[in-house]
N, C-alpha and C. Protein backbone atom coordinates (compact mmCIF):
# COMPACT_ATOMS: atom_id res chain seq x y z
N MET A 1 0.83 -1.18 0.00
CA MET A 1 0.00 0.00 0.00
C MET A 1 0.88 1.24 0.00
N VAL A 2 0.43 2.17 -0.84
CA VAL A 2 1.15 3.44 -0.91
C VAL A 2 0.29 4.49 -0.24
N PHE A 3 0.88 5.18 0.73
CA PHE A 3 0.15 6.22 1.43
C PHE A 3 0.51 7.57 0.83
N LYS A 4 -0.52 8.36 0.58
CA LYS A 4 -0.29 9.71 0.09
C LYS A 4 0.08 10.61 1.25
N GLU A 5 0.81 11.63 0.95
CA GLU A 5 1.23 12.56 1.98
C GLU A 5 0.02 13.31 2.51
N ARG A 6 -0.13 13.37 3.81
CA ARG A 6 -1.27 14.08 4.41
C ARG A 6 -0.87 15.51 4.69
N PHE A 7 -1.79 16.40 4.37
CA PHE A 7 -1.55 17.81 4.66
C PHE A 7 -2.10 18.11 6.04
N THR A 8 -1.34 18.87 6.77
CA THR A 8 -1.82 19.30 8.07
C THR A 8 -2.52 20.64 7.91
N MET A 9 -3.21 21.06 8.92
CA MET A 9 -3.93 22.33 8.87
C MET A 9 -2.97 23.50 8.73
N THR A 10 -1.79 23.39 9.31
CA THR A 10 -0.82 24.50 9.20
C THR A 10 -0.31 24.62 7.77
N ASP A 11 -0.12 23.50 7.07
CA ASP A 11 0.29 23.56 5.66
C ASP A 11 -0.80 24.25 4.83
N TYR A 12 -2.02 23.91 5.11
CA TYR A 12 -3.15 24.49 4.39
C TYR A 12 -3.22 26.01 4.62
N LYS A 13 -3.05 26.42 5.87
CA LYS A 13 -3.08 27.85 6.21
C LYS A 13 -1.92 28.59 5.58
N ASP A 14 -0.76 27.97 5.55
CA ASP A 14 0.40 28.60 4.92
C ASP A 14 0.16 28.82 3.43
N LYS A 15 -0.41 27.85 2.75
CA LYS A 15 -0.69 27.99 1.33
C LYS A 15 -1.73 29.08 1.08
N LEU A 16 -2.77 29.10 1.90
CA LEU A 16 -3.80 30.13 1.74
C LEU A 16 -3.24 31.50 2.08
N GLY A 17 -2.43 31.58 3.12
CA GLY A 17 -1.83 32.86 3.51
C GLY A 17 -0.94 33.39 2.40
N GLY A 18 -0.18 32.53 1.77
CA GLY A 18 0.66 32.95 0.64
C GLY A 18 -0.17 33.44 -0.53
N LEU A 19 -1.28 32.80 -0.78
CA LEU A 19 -2.17 33.22 -1.87
C LEU A 19 -2.78 34.58 -1.57
N ALA A 20 -3.20 34.79 -0.33
CA ALA A 20 -3.80 36.07 0.05
C ALA A 20 -2.78 37.19 -0.09
N ASP A 21 -1.55 36.95 0.34
CA ASP A 21 -0.51 37.97 0.19
C ASP A 21 -0.22 38.26 -1.27
N LYS A 22 -0.21 37.24 -2.09
CA LYS A 22 0.04 37.42 -3.52
C LYS A 22 -1.08 38.25 -4.16
N LEU A 23 -2.31 37.97 -3.79
CA LEU A 23 -3.43 38.73 -4.34
C LEU A 23 -3.39 40.19 -3.90
N LYS A 24 -2.96 40.44 -2.67
CA LYS A 24 -2.88 41.81 -2.17
C LYS A 24 -1.78 42.60 -2.86
N ASN A 25 -0.65 41.96 -3.13
CA ASN A 25 0.51 42.66 -3.66
C ASN A 25 0.50 42.81 -5.18
N ASP A 26 -0.05 41.84 -5.90
CA ASP A 26 -0.06 41.90 -7.36
C ASP A 26 -1.16 42.83 -7.85
N LYS A 27 -0.82 43.66 -8.81
CA LYS A 27 -1.82 44.54 -9.42
C LYS A 27 -2.59 43.73 -10.47
N PRO A 28 -3.86 44.05 -10.67
CA PRO A 28 -4.62 43.32 -11.69
C PRO A 28 -4.06 43.60 -13.08
N LYS A 29 -4.07 42.58 -13.92
CA LYS A 29 -3.51 42.71 -15.26
C LYS A 29 -4.51 43.30 -16.24
N THR A 30 -5.78 43.20 -15.95
CA THR A 30 -6.79 43.78 -16.83
C THR A 30 -7.19 45.15 -16.29
N PRO A 31 -7.44 46.11 -17.17
CA PRO A 31 -7.83 47.44 -16.69
C PRO A 31 -9.22 47.40 -16.07
N ILE A 32 -9.41 48.23 -15.09
CA ILE A 32 -10.71 48.32 -14.43
C ILE A 32 -11.55 49.34 -15.18
N GLN A 33 -12.76 48.95 -15.53
CA GLN A 33 -13.64 49.81 -16.31
C GLN A 33 -14.28 50.85 -15.41
N GLU A 34 -14.30 52.09 -15.89
CA GLU A 34 -14.96 53.15 -15.15
C GLU A 34 -16.39 53.28 -15.66
N VAL A 35 -17.30 53.49 -14.75
CA VAL A 35 -18.71 53.64 -15.09
C VAL A 35 -19.12 55.08 -14.85
N HIS A 36 -19.65 55.72 -15.87
CA HIS A 36 -20.12 57.09 -15.76
C HIS A 36 -21.63 57.11 -16.00
N PRO A 37 -22.40 57.73 -15.12
CA PRO A 37 -23.85 57.77 -15.33
C PRO A 37 -24.20 58.61 -16.55
N ILE A 38 -25.27 58.23 -17.21
CA ILE A 38 -25.74 58.95 -18.39
C ILE A 38 -26.62 60.10 -17.94
N ARG A 39 -26.36 61.25 -18.49
CA ARG A 39 -27.20 62.40 -18.16
C ARG A 39 -28.54 62.26 -18.87
N GLN A 40 -29.57 62.63 -18.19
CA GLN A 40 -30.90 62.54 -18.78
C GLN A 40 -31.15 63.81 -19.58
N SER A 41 -31.06 63.69 -20.90
CA SER A 41 -31.25 64.85 -21.75
C SER A 41 -32.66 64.93 -22.33
N ALA A 42 -33.37 63.81 -22.28
CA ALA A 42 -34.73 63.80 -22.83
C ALA A 42 -35.67 64.56 -21.90
N PRO A 43 -36.58 65.35 -22.48
CA PRO A 43 -37.53 66.06 -21.63
C PRO A 43 -38.48 65.08 -20.94
N LEU A 44 -39.00 65.50 -19.83
CA LEU A 44 -39.93 64.65 -19.09
C LEU A 44 -41.22 64.48 -19.88
N LYS A 45 -41.78 63.30 -19.81
CA LYS A 45 -43.02 63.00 -20.54
C LYS A 45 -44.20 63.66 -19.85
N GLU A 46 -45.20 63.96 -20.66
CA GLU A 46 -46.46 64.45 -20.10
C GLU A 46 -47.14 63.30 -19.37
N GLU A 47 -47.93 63.64 -18.39
CA GLU A 47 -48.71 62.61 -17.70
C GLU A 47 -49.73 62.06 -18.68
N GLU A 48 -49.93 60.77 -18.65
CA GLU A 48 -50.83 60.11 -19.61
C GLU A 48 -52.07 59.56 -18.93
N ALA A 49 -53.14 59.42 -19.72
CA ALA A 49 -54.38 58.80 -19.26
C ALA A 49 -54.84 57.83 -20.34
N GLN A 50 -55.61 56.85 -19.95
CA GLN A 50 -56.06 55.84 -20.89
C GLN A 50 -57.34 56.28 -21.59
N LEU A 51 -57.44 55.95 -22.90
CA LEU A 51 -58.63 56.27 -23.69
C LEU A 51 -59.05 55.00 -24.43
N ASN A 52 -60.26 54.57 -24.23
CA ASN A 52 -60.80 53.40 -24.95
C ASN A 52 -61.96 53.87 -25.81
N VAL A 53 -61.89 53.55 -27.09
CA VAL A 53 -62.96 53.95 -28.01
C VAL A 53 -63.32 52.78 -28.93
N TRP A 54 -64.57 52.78 -29.38
CA TRP A 54 -65.02 51.81 -30.36
C TRP A 54 -65.05 52.52 -31.71
N ILE A 55 -64.35 51.92 -32.70
CA ILE A 55 -64.32 52.50 -34.04
C ILE A 55 -64.67 51.41 -35.04
N PRO A 56 -65.09 51.80 -36.25
CA PRO A 56 -65.41 50.79 -37.27
C PRO A 56 -64.18 49.93 -37.60
N LYS A 57 -64.41 48.64 -37.88
CA LYS A 57 -63.32 47.71 -38.18
C LYS A 57 -62.51 48.17 -39.39
N ALA A 58 -63.18 48.69 -40.39
CA ALA A 58 -62.48 49.12 -41.61
C ALA A 58 -61.50 50.25 -41.29
N LEU A 59 -61.92 51.19 -40.41
CA LEU A 59 -61.04 52.29 -40.03
C LEU A 59 -59.84 51.77 -39.23
N LEU A 60 -60.08 50.80 -38.35
CA LEU A 60 -58.99 50.21 -37.58
C LEU A 60 -57.97 49.54 -38.50
N LYS A 61 -58.47 48.84 -39.53
CA LYS A 61 -57.56 48.20 -40.49
C LYS A 61 -56.71 49.24 -41.21
N ARG A 62 -57.34 50.36 -41.59
CA ARG A 62 -56.60 51.44 -42.28
C ARG A 62 -55.52 52.03 -41.37
N VAL A 63 -55.88 52.23 -40.09
CA VAL A 63 -54.93 52.82 -39.15
C VAL A 63 -53.77 51.85 -38.92
N LYS A 64 -54.05 50.57 -38.76
CA LYS A 64 -52.99 49.59 -38.56
C LYS A 64 -52.09 49.49 -39.78
N SER A 65 -52.68 49.51 -40.96
CA SER A 65 -51.88 49.46 -42.19
C SER A 65 -50.97 50.67 -42.29
N TYR A 66 -51.49 51.84 -41.95
CA TYR A 66 -50.68 53.06 -41.95
C TYR A 66 -49.51 52.92 -40.96
N GLY A 67 -49.80 52.40 -39.78
CA GLY A 67 -48.76 52.21 -38.77
C GLY A 67 -47.65 51.29 -39.23
N VAL A 68 -48.01 50.20 -39.89
CA VAL A 68 -47.01 49.27 -40.40
C VAL A 68 -46.19 49.92 -41.52
N GLU A 69 -46.89 50.62 -42.41
CA GLU A 69 -46.21 51.23 -43.56
C GLU A 69 -45.23 52.32 -43.13
N TYR A 70 -45.60 53.12 -42.14
CA TYR A 70 -44.76 54.25 -41.71
C TYR A 70 -44.08 54.02 -40.36
N ASP A 71 -44.08 52.76 -39.88
CA ASP A 71 -43.42 52.38 -38.64
C ASP A 71 -43.82 53.30 -37.49
N THR A 72 -45.12 53.42 -37.28
CA THR A 72 -45.68 54.28 -36.24
C THR A 72 -46.67 53.47 -35.41
N SER A 73 -46.69 53.72 -34.11
CA SER A 73 -47.60 52.97 -33.24
C SER A 73 -49.02 53.55 -33.33
N LEU A 74 -49.99 52.72 -32.94
CA LEU A 74 -51.39 53.17 -32.91
C LEU A 74 -51.55 54.33 -31.94
N LYS A 75 -50.81 54.29 -30.87
CA LYS A 75 -50.86 55.37 -29.88
C LYS A 75 -50.42 56.69 -30.51
N ASP A 76 -49.30 56.68 -31.21
CA ASP A 76 -48.80 57.91 -31.82
C ASP A 76 -49.74 58.42 -32.92
N ILE A 77 -50.30 57.51 -33.70
CA ILE A 77 -51.25 57.91 -34.74
C ILE A 77 -52.47 58.55 -34.10
N SER A 78 -52.98 57.95 -33.03
CA SER A 78 -54.17 58.49 -32.35
C SER A 78 -53.89 59.87 -31.76
N ILE A 79 -52.74 60.03 -31.13
CA ILE A 79 -52.39 61.32 -30.54
C ILE A 79 -52.29 62.40 -31.62
N ASP A 80 -51.60 62.07 -32.73
CA ASP A 80 -51.46 63.04 -33.82
C ASP A 80 -52.82 63.40 -34.42
N ALA A 81 -53.69 62.39 -34.61
CA ALA A 81 -55.00 62.64 -35.20
C ALA A 81 -55.86 63.52 -34.29
N LEU A 82 -55.84 63.26 -32.98
CA LEU A 82 -56.63 64.07 -32.05
C LEU A 82 -56.11 65.50 -31.97
N LYS A 83 -54.80 65.68 -31.96
CA LYS A 83 -54.23 67.03 -31.94
C LYS A 83 -54.60 67.78 -33.22
N PHE A 84 -54.48 67.11 -34.37
CA PHE A 84 -54.82 67.73 -35.64
C PHE A 84 -56.29 68.16 -35.67
N PHE A 85 -57.16 67.27 -35.20
CA PHE A 85 -58.58 67.55 -35.19
C PHE A 85 -58.90 68.74 -34.29
N LEU A 86 -58.37 68.74 -33.08
CA LEU A 86 -58.65 69.83 -32.13
C LEU A 86 -58.06 71.16 -32.60
N ASP A 87 -56.85 71.13 -33.16
CA ASP A 87 -56.25 72.37 -33.68
C ASP A 87 -57.10 72.93 -34.82
N ALA A 88 -57.60 72.06 -35.70
CA ALA A 88 -58.43 72.52 -36.81
C ALA A 88 -59.75 73.11 -36.29
N LYS A 89 -60.35 72.48 -35.30
CA LYS A 89 -61.61 73.00 -34.75
C LYS A 89 -61.40 74.34 -34.06
N LEU A 90 -60.30 74.49 -33.34
CA LEU A 90 -60.03 75.75 -32.65
C LEU A 90 -59.76 76.89 -33.63
N LYS A 91 -59.12 76.60 -34.74
CA LYS A 91 -58.86 77.63 -35.76
C LYS A 91 -60.15 78.12 -36.41
N LYS A 92 -61.10 77.21 -36.61
CA LYS A 92 -62.38 77.59 -37.20
C LYS A 92 -63.20 78.45 -36.27
N SER A 93 -63.09 78.21 -34.97
CA SER A 93 -63.91 78.98 -34.02
C SER A 93 -63.35 80.36 -33.74
N ILE A 94 -62.12 80.64 -34.13
CA ILE A 94 -61.52 81.96 -33.85
C ILE A 94 -61.92 82.98 -34.87
């Protein structure tokens, strides 16, 4: 029978102590990345509210097709349409 050399607790502590000293003394070989926060340059959004409306299916299809063709969301199309409508009505009443 061949017996392997047994490590004592002091051998183990010596090896770990040497590793800890090496880690403390050696500088890292890879550069440390600096993190800089991004400044918020975008203006704050207006407060939003939900609007649910029933519209004809044909009109909904047209609006969706427009959104796909011009890469615009239904929300943005609705907001633009309502603003356009209200601005036109206000101009007529003046």
